């Protein structure tokens, strides 16, 4: 029975590798469905951010509402 030894090298101690270049790739072509879903996601994130901001202002007492 033979055993195989593996040597673990931390990435910071390893030889640096050449990085991939993204020059010349251009824009990614998107279908209409992808463009719509990204627009919906953007609108959702903007709405959630506005709601969070409103909630924080309400908790801080800066928004005085009549109860």
Protein backbone atom coordinates (compact mmCIF):
# COMPACT_ATOMS: atom_id res chain seq x y z
CA UNK A 1 0.00 0.00 0.00
CA UNK A 2 1.46 3.35 -1.01
CA UNK A 3 0.58 6.64 0.55
CA UNK A 4 0.51 9.93 -1.27
CA UNK A 5 1.80 13.04 0.43
CA UNK A 6 0.36 16.42 -0.38
CA UNK A 7 2.17 19.62 0.46
CA UNK A 8 -0.08 22.54 1.33
CA UNK A 9 1.25 25.96 0.33
CA UNK A 10 -0.39 29.17 1.49
CA UNK A 11 -1.27 31.46 -1.46
CA UNK A 12 0.89 34.26 -0.05
CA UNK A 13 3.90 31.94 0.03
CA UNK A 14 3.29 30.47 -3.44
CA UNK A 15 4.67 31.70 -6.75
CA UNK A 16 2.53 34.49 -8.21
CA UNK A 17 0.45 33.53 -11.21
CA UNK A 18 -0.28 35.68 -14.22
CA UNK A 19 -3.66 37.38 -13.95
CA UNK A 20 -6.26 37.24 -16.69
CA UNK A 21 -6.61 40.36 -18.78
CA UNK A 22 -10.07 41.75 -19.52
CA UNK A 23 -8.82 44.25 -22.08
CA UNK A 24 -10.69 44.08 -25.36
CA UNK A 25 -13.68 42.11 -24.08
CA UNK A 26 -16.20 44.90 -24.64
CA UNK A 27 -19.70 45.09 -23.24
CA UNK A 28 -21.69 41.99 -22.36
CA UNK A 29 -24.75 41.53 -24.53
CA UNK A 30 -27.91 41.18 -22.45
CA UNK A 31 -31.26 39.81 -23.48
CA UNK A 32 -34.43 41.79 -22.84
CA UNK A 33 -35.36 39.49 -19.93
CA UNK A 34 -31.99 40.06 -18.25
CA UNK A 35 -32.23 43.82 -18.75
CA UNK A 36 -35.75 43.89 -17.25
CA UNK A 37 -34.80 41.71 -14.28
CA UNK A 38 -31.77 43.90 -13.53
CA UNK A 39 -33.98 46.99 -13.72
CA UNK A 40 -36.48 45.42 -11.32
CA UNK A 41 -33.64 44.48 -8.97
CA UNK A 42 -32.30 48.04 -9.09
CA UNK A 43 -35.75 49.47 -8.32
CA UNK A 44 -36.18 47.00 -5.44
CA UNK A 45 -32.82 47.92 -3.92
CA UNK A 46 -33.55 51.65 -4.23
CA UNK A 47 -36.98 51.17 -2.59
CA UNK A 48 -35.50 49.11 0.26
CA UNK A 49 -32.80 51.75 0.82
CA UNK A 50 -35.40 54.53 0.96
CA UNK A 51 -37.56 52.50 3.35
CA UNK A 52 -34.55 51.81 5.57
CA UNK A 53 -33.64 55.51 5.58
CA UNK A 54 -37.21 56.45 6.51
CA UNK A 55 -37.23 53.87 9.32
CA UNK A 56 -33.91 55.12 10.72
CA UNK A 57 -35.13 58.73 10.64
CA UNK A 58 -38.36 57.65 12.32
CA UNK A 59 -36.49 55.79 15.06
CA UNK A 60 -34.21 58.76 15.65
CA UNK A 61 -37.21 61.00 16.25
CA UNK A 62 -36.46 63.37 13.38
CA UNK A 63 -39.83 62.64 11.84
CA UNK A 64 -42.55 63.90 14.15
CA UNK A 65 -45.87 62.32 13.28
CA UNK A 66 -49.16 62.90 15.03
CA UNK A 67 -50.31 59.64 16.60
